[in-house]
């Protein structure tokens, strides 16, 4: 019922061609007036942005690939870039916990090696040593930076498309969402 209430506030699904055409005309004029401008939210990957013109409202972009091909790493980087652009992100993770994903984001922010963090030791010139106090302070500074990003995590494995849609719709209604 709550989902239907949110949906009931939407406009009619039918629009005349004239109505849509006027909107398309305005958008195309803006493109001609500012050629080469990224039309959507940048992913942080220049070639991908050139192909997609950025992540645009109402577009569904699917990342697919074989296991271990870097799909999650790509999604993490896109979520991080969106968060750094102050866009609210709803991130559904089926394989990793939210904790693991946040650790990965901090690794990206600080350019850290996950093995060094897992062991609490750093490898410098082939030798392992403890993290210095300054390095630990810098790590926690990057963690605080990551915590400030407007990314909301949902790590329920086995979630259905309908459940994800309902959760995203609820977040949209309560806090707003720019990227799912």
C-alpha atoms as a PDB file:
ATOM      1  CA  UNK A   1       0.000   0.000   0.000  1.00  0.00           C
ATOM      2  CA  UNK A   2       2.833   2.398   0.878  1.00  0.00           C
ATOM      3  CA  UNK A   3       4.527   1.677  -2.452  1.00  0.00           C
ATOM      4  CA  UNK A   4       1.285   2.352  -4.306  1.00  0.00           C
ATOM      5  CA  UNK A   5       0.919   5.682  -2.469  1.00  0.00           C
ATOM      6  CA  UNK A   6       4.342   6.761  -3.704  1.00  0.00           C
ATOM      7  CA  UNK A   7       3.521   5.616  -7.229  1.00  0.00           C
ATOM      8  CA  UNK A   8       0.107   7.306  -7.220  1.00  0.00           C
ATOM      9  CA  UNK A   9       1.777  10.721  -7.140  1.00  0.00           C
ATOM     10  CA  UNK A  10       3.388  10.119 -10.539  1.00  0.00           C
ATOM     11  CA  UNK A  11       2.202  11.744 -13.708  1.00  0.00           C
ATOM     12  CA  UNK A  12       0.241   9.855 -16.355  1.00  0.00           C
ATOM     13  CA  UNK A  13       2.300   7.445 -18.422  1.00  0.00           C
ATOM     14  CA  UNK A  14       0.776   8.876 -21.614  1.00  0.00           C
ATOM     15  CA  UNK A  15       2.094  12.039 -23.253  1.00  0.00           C
ATOM     16  CA  UNK A  16       1.398  13.447 -26.674  1.00  0.00           C
ATOM     17  CA  UNK A  17       4.145  13.446 -29.260  1.00  0.00           C
ATOM     18  CA  UNK A  18       3.929  17.239 -29.321  1.00  0.00           C
ATOM     19  CA  UNK A  19       4.587  17.417 -25.564  1.00  0.00           C
ATOM     20  CA  UNK A  20       7.519  15.032 -25.729  1.00  0.00           C
ATOM     21  CA  UNK A  21       8.817  16.704 -28.900  1.00  0.00           C
ATOM     22  CA  UNK A  22       8.986  20.090 -27.198  1.00  0.00           C
ATOM     23  CA  UNK A  23      11.048  18.615 -24.376  1.00  0.00           C
ATOM     24  CA  UNK A  24      13.363  16.852 -26.854  1.00  0.00           C
ATOM     25  CA  UNK A  25      13.764  20.116 -28.792  1.00  0.00           C
ATOM     26  CA  UNK A  26      14.825  22.000 -25.644  1.00  0.00           C
ATOM     27  CA  UNK A  27      17.286  19.272 -24.678  1.00  0.00           C
ATOM     28  CA  UNK A  28      18.788  19.109 -28.168  1.00  0.00           C
ATOM     29  CA  UNK A  29      19.176  22.904 -28.344  1.00  0.00           C
ATOM     30  CA  UNK A  30      21.090  22.773 -25.054  1.00  0.00           C
ATOM     31  CA  UNK A  31      23.354  20.076 -26.505  1.00  0.00           C
ATOM     32  CA  UNK A  32      24.015  22.107 -29.659  1.00  0.00           C
ATOM     33  CA  UNK A  33      24.713  25.200 -27.535  1.00  0.00           C
ATOM     34  CA  UNK A  34      27.289  23.349 -25.422  1.00  0.00           C
ATOM     35  CA  UNK A  35      28.753  20.517 -27.529  1.00  0.00           C
ATOM     36  CA  UNK A  36      30.910  17.907 -25.836  1.00  0.00           C
ATOM     37  CA  UNK A  37      29.435  18.536 -22.398  1.00  0.00           C
ATOM     38  CA  UNK A  38      28.746  15.428 -20.333  1.00  0.00           C
ATOM     39  CA  UNK A  39      24.956  15.109 -20.157  1.00  0.00           C
ATOM     40  CA  UNK A  40      24.749  12.851 -17.125  1.00  0.00           C
ATOM     41  CA  UNK A  41      26.633  12.077 -13.951  1.00  0.00           C
ATOM     42  CA  UNK A  42      30.247  11.189 -14.667  1.00  0.00           C
ATOM     43  CA  UNK A  43      31.340   7.692 -13.730  1.00  0.00           C
ATOM     44  CA  UNK A  44      34.980   8.703 -13.369  1.00  0.00           C
ATOM     45  CA  UNK A  45      35.920   6.614 -16.408  1.00  0.00           C
ATOM     46  CA  UNK A  46      36.472   8.861 -19.439  1.00  0.00           C
ATOM     47  CA  UNK A  47      35.912   6.211 -22.111  1.00  0.00           C
ATOM     48  CA  UNK A  48      32.772   4.897 -20.394  1.00  0.00           C
ATOM     49  CA  UNK A  49      31.465   8.457 -20.007  1.00  0.00           C
ATOM     50  CA  UNK A  50      32.122   9.117 -23.687  1.00  0.00           C
ATOM     51  CA  UNK A  51      30.087   6.037 -24.645  1.00  0.00           C
ATOM     52  CA  UNK A  52      27.234   6.655 -22.172  1.00  0.00           C
ATOM     53  CA  UNK A  53      27.411  10.484 -21.995  1.00  0.00           C
ATOM     54  CA  UNK A  54      27.398   9.853 -18.237  1.00  0.00           C
ATOM     55  CA  UNK A  55      24.753   8.173 -16.101  1.00  0.00           C
ATOM     56  CA  UNK A  56      21.481   9.846 -17.003  1.00  0.00           C
ATOM     57  CA  UNK A  57      18.164  10.014 -15.198  1.00  0.00           C
ATOM     58  CA  UNK A  58      15.718   7.301 -16.194  1.00  0.00           C
ATOM     59  CA  UNK A  59      18.436   5.224 -17.914  1.00  0.00           C
ATOM     60  CA  UNK A  60      19.149   1.667 -16.843  1.00  0.00           C
ATOM     61  CA  UNK A  61      22.802   0.739 -17.283  1.00  0.00           C
ATOM     62  CA  UNK A  62      23.642  -2.905 -16.694  1.00  0.00           C
ATOM     63  CA  UNK A  63      27.173  -3.987 -15.829  1.00  0.00           C
ATOM     64  CA  UNK A  64      27.711  -7.585 -16.887  1.00  0.00           C
ATOM     65  CA  UNK A  65      30.720  -9.852 -17.137  1.00  0.00           C
ATOM     66  CA  UNK A  66      32.254 -13.137 -16.146  1.00  0.00           C
ATOM     67  CA  UNK A  67      33.055 -13.880 -12.485  1.00  0.00           C
ATOM     68  CA  UNK A  68      36.169 -12.082 -11.324  1.00  0.00           C
ATOM     69  CA  UNK A  69      36.133  -9.606 -14.211  1.00  0.00           C
ATOM     70  CA  UNK A  70      35.842  -6.537 -11.950  1.00  0.00           C
ATOM     71  CA  UNK A  71      32.107  -5.756 -12.020  1.00  0.00           C
ATOM     72  CA  UNK A  72      31.967  -4.991  -8.294  1.00  0.00           C
ATOM     73  CA  UNK A  73      35.174  -2.947  -8.431  1.00  0.00           C
ATOM     74  CA  UNK A  74      33.677  -0.907 -11.280  1.00  0.00           C
ATOM     75  CA  UNK A  75      30.391  -0.430  -9.401  1.00  0.00           C
ATOM     76  CA  UNK A  76      32.306   0.570  -6.241  1.00  0.00           C
ATOM     77  CA  UNK A  77      34.287   3.183  -8.175  1.00  0.00           C
ATOM     78  CA  UNK A  78      31.162   4.575  -9.847  1.00  0.00           C
ATOM     79  CA  UNK A  79      29.366   4.743  -6.465  1.00  0.00           C
ATOM     80  CA  UNK A  80      32.382   6.492  -4.945  1.00  0.00           C
ATOM     81  CA  UNK A  81      32.568   9.020  -7.789  1.00  0.00           C
ATOM     82  CA  UNK A  82      28.822   9.685  -7.514  1.00  0.00           C
ATOM     83  CA  UNK A  83      29.129  10.129  -3.741  1.00  0.00           C
ATOM     84  CA  UNK A  84      32.067  12.504  -4.185  1.00  0.00           C
ATOM     85  CA  UNK A  85      29.839  14.491  -6.577  1.00  0.00           C
ATOM     86  CA  UNK A  86      27.330  14.728  -3.684  1.00  0.00           C
ATOM     87  CA  UNK A  87      24.830  12.398  -5.348  1.00  0.00           C
ATOM     88  CA  UNK A  88      22.858  10.065  -3.076  1.00  0.00           C
ATOM     89  CA  UNK A  89      23.541   6.446  -3.982  1.00  0.00           C
ATOM     90  CA  UNK A  90      21.486   3.366  -3.131  1.00  0.00           C
ATOM     91  CA  UNK A  91      23.929   0.453  -3.397  1.00  0.00           C
ATOM     92  CA  UNK A  92      22.602  -3.112  -3.387  1.00  0.00           C
ATOM     93  CA  UNK A  93      25.328  -5.663  -2.788  1.00  0.00           C
ATOM     94  CA  UNK A  94      24.533  -9.347  -3.077  1.00  0.00           C
ATOM     95  CA  UNK A  95      28.007 -10.841  -2.772  1.00  0.00           C
ATOM     96  CA  UNK A  96      29.824  -8.714  -0.218  1.00  0.00           C
ATOM     97  CA  UNK A  97      28.796  -7.216   3.103  1.00  0.00           C
ATOM     98  CA  UNK A  98      28.381  -3.486   3.473  1.00  0.00           C
ATOM     99  CA  UNK A  99      31.470  -3.532   5.721  1.00  0.00           C
ATOM    100  CA  UNK A 100      33.562  -5.096   2.956  1.00  0.00           C
ATOM    101  CA  UNK A 101      32.315  -2.561   0.428  1.00  0.00           C
ATOM    102  CA  UNK A 102      33.099   0.390   2.693  1.00  0.00           C
ATOM    103  CA  UNK A 103      36.586  -1.021   3.273  1.00  0.00           C
ATOM    104  CA  UNK A 104      37.034  -1.179  -0.502  1.00  0.00           C
ATOM    105  CA  UNK A 105      35.887   2.433  -0.858  1.00  0.00           C
ATOM    106  CA  UNK A 106      38.411   3.566   1.739  1.00  0.00           C
ATOM    107  CA  UNK A 107      41.088   1.559  -0.081  1.00  0.00           C
ATOM    108  CA  UNK A 108      40.206   3.426  -3.273  1.00  0.00           C
ATOM    109  CA  UNK A 109      40.139   6.823  -1.522  1.00  0.00           C
ATOM    110  CA  UNK A 110      43.512   6.299   0.131  1.00  0.00           C
ATOM    111  CA  UNK A 111      45.048   4.086  -2.548  1.00  0.00           C
ATOM    112  CA  UNK A 112      45.620   1.366   0.042  1.00  0.00           C
ATOM    113  CA  UNK A 113      46.549  -2.253  -0.516  1.00  0.00           C
ATOM    114  CA  UNK A 114      43.832  -4.404   1.050  1.00  0.00           C
ATOM    115  CA  UNK A 115      46.362  -7.051   2.091  1.00  0.00           C
ATOM    116  CA  UNK A 116      48.294  -4.479   4.108  1.00  0.00           C
ATOM    117  CA  UNK A 117      45.106  -3.453   5.883  1.00  0.00           C
ATOM    118  CA  UNK A 118      44.002  -7.038   6.509  1.00  0.00           C
ATOM    119  CA  UNK A 119      47.337  -7.855   8.170  1.00  0.00           C
ATOM    120  CA  UNK A 120      47.847  -4.500   9.840  1.00  0.00           C
ATOM    121  CA  UNK A 121      51.333  -4.374   8.353  1.00  0.00           C
ATOM    122  CA  UNK A 122      52.832  -2.505   5.400  1.00  0.00           C
ATOM    123  CA  UNK A 123      55.249  -3.846   2.846  1.00  0.00           C
ATOM    124  CA  UNK A 124      57.937  -1.274   2.121  1.00  0.00           C
ATOM    125  CA  UNK A 125      60.917  -2.126  -0.099  1.00  0.00           C
ATOM    126  CA  UNK A 126      60.062  -5.800   0.217  1.00  0.00           C
ATOM    127  CA  UNK A 127      60.036  -5.730   4.033  1.00  0.00           C
ATOM    128  CA  UNK A 128      56.970  -5.910   6.291  1.00  0.00           C
ATOM    129  CA  UNK A 129      56.623  -3.329   9.053  1.00  0.00           C
ATOM    130  CA  UNK A 130      53.900  -1.962  11.310  1.00  0.00           C
ATOM    131  CA  UNK A 131      51.817   1.015  10.233  1.00  0.00           C
ATOM    132  CA  UNK A 132      53.192   4.233  11.692  1.00  0.00           C
ATOM    133  CA  UNK A 133      50.975   6.428  13.856  1.00  0.00           C
ATOM    134  CA  UNK A 134      50.834   8.999  11.049  1.00  0.00           C
ATOM    135  CA  UNK A 135      49.785   6.348   8.514  1.00  0.00           C
ATOM    136  CA  UNK A 136      47.045   5.151  10.856  1.00  0.00           C
ATOM    137  CA  UNK A 137      45.805   8.727  11.346  1.00  0.00           C
ATOM    138  CA  UNK A 138      45.718   9.173   7.564  1.00  0.00           C
ATOM    139  CA  UNK A 139      43.807   5.899   7.144  1.00  0.00           C
ATOM    140  CA  UNK A 140      41.157   6.927   9.677  1.00  0.00           C
ATOM    141  CA  UNK A 141      40.959  10.334   7.991  1.00  0.00           C
ATOM    142  CA  UNK A 142      40.139   8.569   4.693  1.00  0.00           C
ATOM    143  CA  UNK A 143      37.609   6.387   6.522  1.00  0.00           C
ATOM    144  CA  UNK A 144      35.913   9.525   7.892  1.00  0.00           C
ATOM    145  CA  UNK A 145      35.890  10.962   4.374  1.00  0.00           C
ATOM    146  CA  UNK A 146      34.208   7.776   3.144  1.00  0.00           C
ATOM    147  CA  UNK A 147      31.687   7.862   5.997  1.00  0.00           C
ATOM    148  CA  UNK A 148      30.605  11.340   4.932  1.00  0.00           C
ATOM    149  CA  UNK A 149      29.597  10.189   1.444  1.00  0.00           C
ATOM    150  CA  UNK A 150      25.846   9.966   0.736  1.00  0.00           C
ATOM    151  CA  UNK A 151      25.901   6.244  -0.042  1.00  0.00           C
ATOM    152  CA  UNK A 152      23.296   3.930   1.498  1.00  0.00           C
ATOM    153  CA  UNK A 153      24.144   0.218   1.566  1.00  0.00           C
ATOM    154  CA  UNK A 154      21.761  -2.737   1.341  1.00  0.00           C
ATOM    155  CA  UNK A 155      23.563  -6.060   1.683  1.00  0.00           C
ATOM    156  CA  UNK A 156      20.751  -8.604   1.840  1.00  0.00           C
ATOM    157  CA  UNK A 157      21.890 -11.543  -0.253  1.00  0.00           C
ATOM    158  CA  UNK A 158      19.206 -13.166  -2.356  1.00  0.00           C
ATOM    159  CA  UNK A 159      17.088 -10.031  -2.606  1.00  0.00           C
ATOM    160  CA  UNK A 160      14.566 -10.132  -5.430  1.00  0.00           C
ATOM    161  CA  UNK A 161      14.118  -7.413  -8.034  1.00  0.00           C
ATOM    162  CA  UNK A 162      10.769  -6.528  -6.478  1.00  0.00           C
ATOM    163  CA  UNK A 163      12.289  -6.234  -3.000  1.00  0.00           C
ATOM    164  CA  UNK A 164      15.127  -4.069  -4.328  1.00  0.00           C
ATOM    165  CA  UNK A 165      12.638  -1.860  -6.165  1.00  0.00           C
ATOM    166  CA  UNK A 166      10.531  -1.473  -3.016  1.00  0.00           C
ATOM    167  CA  UNK A 167      13.601  -0.662  -0.898  1.00  0.00           C
ATOM    168  CA  UNK A 168      14.894   1.871  -3.448  1.00  0.00           C
ATOM    169  CA  UNK A 169      11.437   3.439  -3.725  1.00  0.00           C
ATOM    170  CA  UNK A 170      11.233   3.757   0.059  1.00  0.00           C
ATOM    171  CA  UNK A 171      14.673   5.395   0.189  1.00  0.00           C
ATOM    172  CA  UNK A 172      13.689   7.699  -2.665  1.00  0.00           C
ATOM    173  CA  UNK A 173      10.544   8.768  -0.798  1.00  0.00           C
ATOM    174  CA  UNK A 174      12.310   9.307   2.554  1.00  0.00           C
ATOM    175  CA  UNK A 175      15.774  10.614   1.647  1.00  0.00           C
ATOM    176  CA  UNK A 176      16.010  10.943  -2.112  1.00  0.00           C
ATOM    177  CA  UNK A 177      18.179   8.900  -4.475  1.00  0.00           C
ATOM    178  CA  UNK A 178      20.194   9.939  -7.520  1.00  0.00           C
ATOM    179  CA  UNK A 179      21.860   6.641  -8.453  1.00  0.00           C
ATOM    180  CA  UNK A 180      20.882   3.037  -7.744  1.00  0.00           C
END
